[in-house]
Amino acid sequence: MIVVPVKEGDSIEKALKKFKRKFEKTGVVKELRARQQFDKPSVKNRLKREKAVYVQQLRRVEE
């Protein structure tokens, strides 16, 4: 359960923004979307490798 402490004088918009940020960090929506369809293990592995290559290239560019 997500708990968002609201300080005295904080607006509802600010509290809602905090809630949305915490909810996004939990990854519930991402997991729900992933469960809606089945991906073969080979496809998952390929996507994982592609992501690793992409991240590696980004880090190489930073240096």
N, C-alpha and C. Protein backbone atom coordinates (compact mmCIF):
# COMPACT_ATOMS: atom_id res chain seq x y z
N MET A 1 0.85 -1.17 0.00
CA MET A 1 0.00 0.00 0.00
C MET A 1 0.90 1.24 0.00
N ILE A 2 0.53 2.19 -0.81
CA ILE A 2 1.31 3.42 -0.93
C ILE A 2 0.76 4.46 0.03
N VAL A 3 1.64 5.00 0.83
CA VAL A 3 1.26 6.04 1.79
C VAL A 3 2.00 7.31 1.42
N VAL A 4 1.24 8.39 1.27
CA VAL A 4 1.83 9.68 0.92
C VAL A 4 1.55 10.65 2.06
N PRO A 5 2.59 10.99 2.82
CA PRO A 5 2.38 11.96 3.90
C PRO A 5 2.16 13.36 3.33
N VAL A 6 1.08 13.99 3.74
CA VAL A 6 0.76 15.33 3.26
C VAL A 6 0.99 16.31 4.39
N LYS A 7 1.83 17.29 4.12
CA LYS A 7 2.15 18.29 5.14
C LYS A 7 1.06 19.36 5.17
N GLU A 8 1.04 20.05 6.26
CA GLU A 8 0.06 21.14 6.42
C GLU A 8 0.33 22.21 5.39
N GLY A 9 -0.67 22.57 4.63
CA GLY A 9 -0.53 23.63 3.65
C GLY A 9 -0.17 23.13 2.26
N ASP A 10 0.13 21.83 2.10
CA ASP A 10 0.41 21.30 0.77
C ASP A 10 -0.87 21.20 -0.03
N SER A 11 -0.75 21.49 -1.32
CA SER A 11 -1.94 21.42 -2.17
C SER A 11 -2.21 19.97 -2.57
N ILE A 12 -3.41 19.74 -3.03
CA ILE A 12 -3.81 18.40 -3.48
C ILE A 12 -3.00 18.00 -4.70
N GLU A 13 -2.73 18.94 -5.57
CA GLU A 13 -1.96 18.65 -6.78
C GLU A 13 -0.56 18.13 -6.43
N LYS A 14 0.05 18.74 -5.42
CA LYS A 14 1.39 18.33 -5.00
C LYS A 14 1.36 16.92 -4.41
N ALA A 15 0.33 16.64 -3.60
CA ALA A 15 0.20 15.31 -3.01
C ALA A 15 -0.07 14.26 -4.09
N LEU A 16 -0.88 14.61 -5.08
CA LEU A 16 -1.18 13.71 -6.18
C LEU A 16 0.07 13.42 -7.00
N LYS A 17 0.88 14.44 -7.19
CA LYS A 17 2.13 14.28 -7.93
C LYS A 17 3.07 13.31 -7.19
N LYS A 18 3.14 13.45 -5.86
CA LYS A 18 3.95 12.54 -5.04
C LYS A 18 3.44 11.11 -5.16
N PHE A 19 2.11 10.96 -5.12
CA PHE A 19 1.51 9.64 -5.23
C PHE A 19 1.83 9.01 -6.57
N LYS A 20 1.69 9.77 -7.64
CA LYS A 20 1.96 9.25 -8.98
C LYS A 20 3.41 8.81 -9.11
N ARG A 21 4.33 9.60 -8.54
CA ARG A 21 5.75 9.28 -8.61
C ARG A 21 6.04 7.97 -7.86
N LYS A 22 5.46 7.82 -6.66
CA LYS A 22 5.66 6.60 -5.88
C LYS A 22 5.05 5.40 -6.59
N PHE A 23 3.88 5.59 -7.16
CA PHE A 23 3.19 4.51 -7.87
C PHE A 23 4.00 4.06 -9.08
N GLU A 24 4.59 5.02 -9.78
CA GLU A 24 5.42 4.70 -10.95
C GLU A 24 6.65 3.90 -10.53
N LYS A 25 7.25 4.25 -9.39
CA LYS A 25 8.45 3.56 -8.92
C LYS A 25 8.17 2.10 -8.55
N THR A 26 6.96 1.79 -8.12
CA THR A 26 6.64 0.42 -7.74
C THR A 26 6.62 -0.51 -8.94
N GLY A 27 6.33 0.01 -10.13
CA GLY A 27 6.37 -0.80 -11.35
C GLY A 27 5.14 -1.66 -11.54
N VAL A 28 4.03 -1.33 -10.89
CA VAL A 28 2.82 -2.13 -10.99
C VAL A 28 2.26 -2.11 -12.41
N VAL A 29 2.18 -0.95 -13.01
CA VAL A 29 1.61 -0.82 -14.35
C VAL A 29 2.50 -1.53 -15.37
N LYS A 30 3.81 -1.41 -15.21
CA LYS A 30 4.74 -2.07 -16.12
C LYS A 30 4.58 -3.58 -16.04
N GLU A 31 4.47 -4.10 -14.83
CA GLU A 31 4.30 -5.54 -14.66
C GLU A 31 2.96 -6.01 -15.22
N LEU A 32 1.92 -5.22 -15.01
CA LEU A 32 0.59 -5.56 -15.52
C LEU A 32 0.60 -5.67 -17.04
N ARG A 33 1.24 -4.72 -17.70
CA ARG A 33 1.32 -4.74 -19.15
C ARG A 33 2.13 -5.94 -19.64
N ALA A 34 3.18 -6.28 -18.90
CA ALA A 34 4.02 -7.42 -19.28
C ALA A 34 3.24 -8.73 -19.14
N ARG A 35 2.36 -8.80 -18.19
CA ARG A 35 1.58 -10.04 -17.95
C ARG A 35 0.43 -10.20 -18.93
N GLN A 36 0.07 -9.15 -19.64
CA GLN A 36 -1.07 -9.24 -20.56
C GLN A 36 -0.74 -10.06 -21.79
N GLN A 37 0.51 -10.21 -22.11
CA GLN A 37 0.89 -11.01 -23.27
C GLN A 37 2.06 -11.90 -22.89
N PHE A 38 2.18 -13.03 -23.58
CA PHE A 38 3.26 -13.97 -23.31
C PHE A 38 4.39 -13.72 -24.28
N ASP A 39 5.59 -13.59 -23.74
CA ASP A 39 6.78 -13.46 -24.58
C ASP A 39 7.61 -14.72 -24.41
N LYS A 40 8.06 -15.26 -25.53
CA LYS A 40 8.89 -16.45 -25.47
C LYS A 40 10.20 -16.11 -24.77
N PRO A 41 10.79 -17.08 -24.08
CA PRO A 41 12.06 -16.83 -23.40
C PRO A 41 13.15 -16.35 -24.34
N SER A 42 13.15 -16.84 -25.57
CA SER A 42 14.17 -16.40 -26.52
C SER A 42 14.00 -14.92 -26.86
N VAL A 43 12.76 -14.47 -26.94
CA VAL A 43 12.49 -13.06 -27.22
C VAL A 43 12.93 -12.20 -26.03
N LYS A 44 12.63 -12.67 -24.81
CA LYS A 44 13.05 -11.93 -23.62
C LYS A 44 14.56 -11.79 -23.57
N ASN A 45 15.26 -12.90 -23.85
CA ASN A 45 16.72 -12.87 -23.83
C ASN A 45 17.27 -11.91 -24.88
N ARG A 46 16.68 -11.92 -26.05
CA ARG A 46 17.15 -11.03 -27.12
C ARG A 46 16.95 -9.57 -26.73
N LEU A 47 15.79 -9.26 -26.16
CA LEU A 47 15.52 -7.88 -25.74
C LEU A 47 16.47 -7.46 -24.63
N LYS A 48 16.76 -8.39 -23.73
CA LYS A 48 17.69 -8.09 -22.63
C LYS A 48 19.08 -7.78 -23.18
N ARG A 49 19.52 -8.57 -24.17
CA ARG A 49 20.83 -8.35 -24.78
C ARG A 49 20.86 -7.01 -25.51
N GLU A 50 19.79 -6.69 -26.25
CA GLU A 50 19.72 -5.43 -26.98
C GLU A 50 19.78 -4.25 -26.02
N LYS A 51 19.09 -4.37 -24.89
CA LYS A 51 19.10 -3.30 -23.90
C LYS A 51 20.50 -3.12 -23.31
N ALA A 52 21.18 -4.24 -23.04
CA ALA A 52 22.53 -4.19 -22.48
C ALA A 52 23.49 -3.51 -23.46
N VAL A 53 23.36 -3.82 -24.75
CA VAL A 53 24.21 -3.20 -25.76
C VAL A 53 23.94 -1.70 -25.82
N TYR A 54 22.67 -1.33 -25.77
CA TYR A 54 22.28 0.08 -25.83
C TYR A 54 22.86 0.85 -24.64
N VAL A 55 22.74 0.28 -23.45
CA VAL A 55 23.25 0.94 -22.24
C VAL A 55 24.77 1.06 -22.31
N GLN A 56 25.41 0.02 -22.81
CA GLN A 56 26.86 0.03 -22.94
C GLN A 56 27.31 1.14 -23.90
N GLN A 57 26.58 1.31 -24.99
CA GLN A 57 26.91 2.36 -25.95
C GLN A 57 26.74 3.74 -25.33
N LEU A 58 25.68 3.91 -24.54
CA LEU A 58 25.45 5.19 -23.89
C LEU A 58 26.59 5.51 -22.92
N ARG A 59 27.03 4.51 -22.18
CA ARG A 59 28.11 4.74 -21.22
C ARG A 59 29.42 5.05 -21.94
N ARG A 60 29.63 4.42 -23.10
CA ARG A 60 30.84 4.67 -23.87
C ARG A 60 30.84 6.11 -24.39
N VAL A 61 29.68 6.62 -24.78
CA VAL A 61 29.57 7.98 -25.29
C VAL A 61 29.85 8.99 -24.17
N GLU A 62 29.42 8.67 -22.94
CA GLU A 62 29.64 9.58 -21.81
C GLU A 62 31.12 9.75 -21.49
N GLU A 63 31.90 8.70 -21.72
CA GLU A 63 33.33 8.77 -21.39
C GLU A 63 34.06 9.53 -22.41
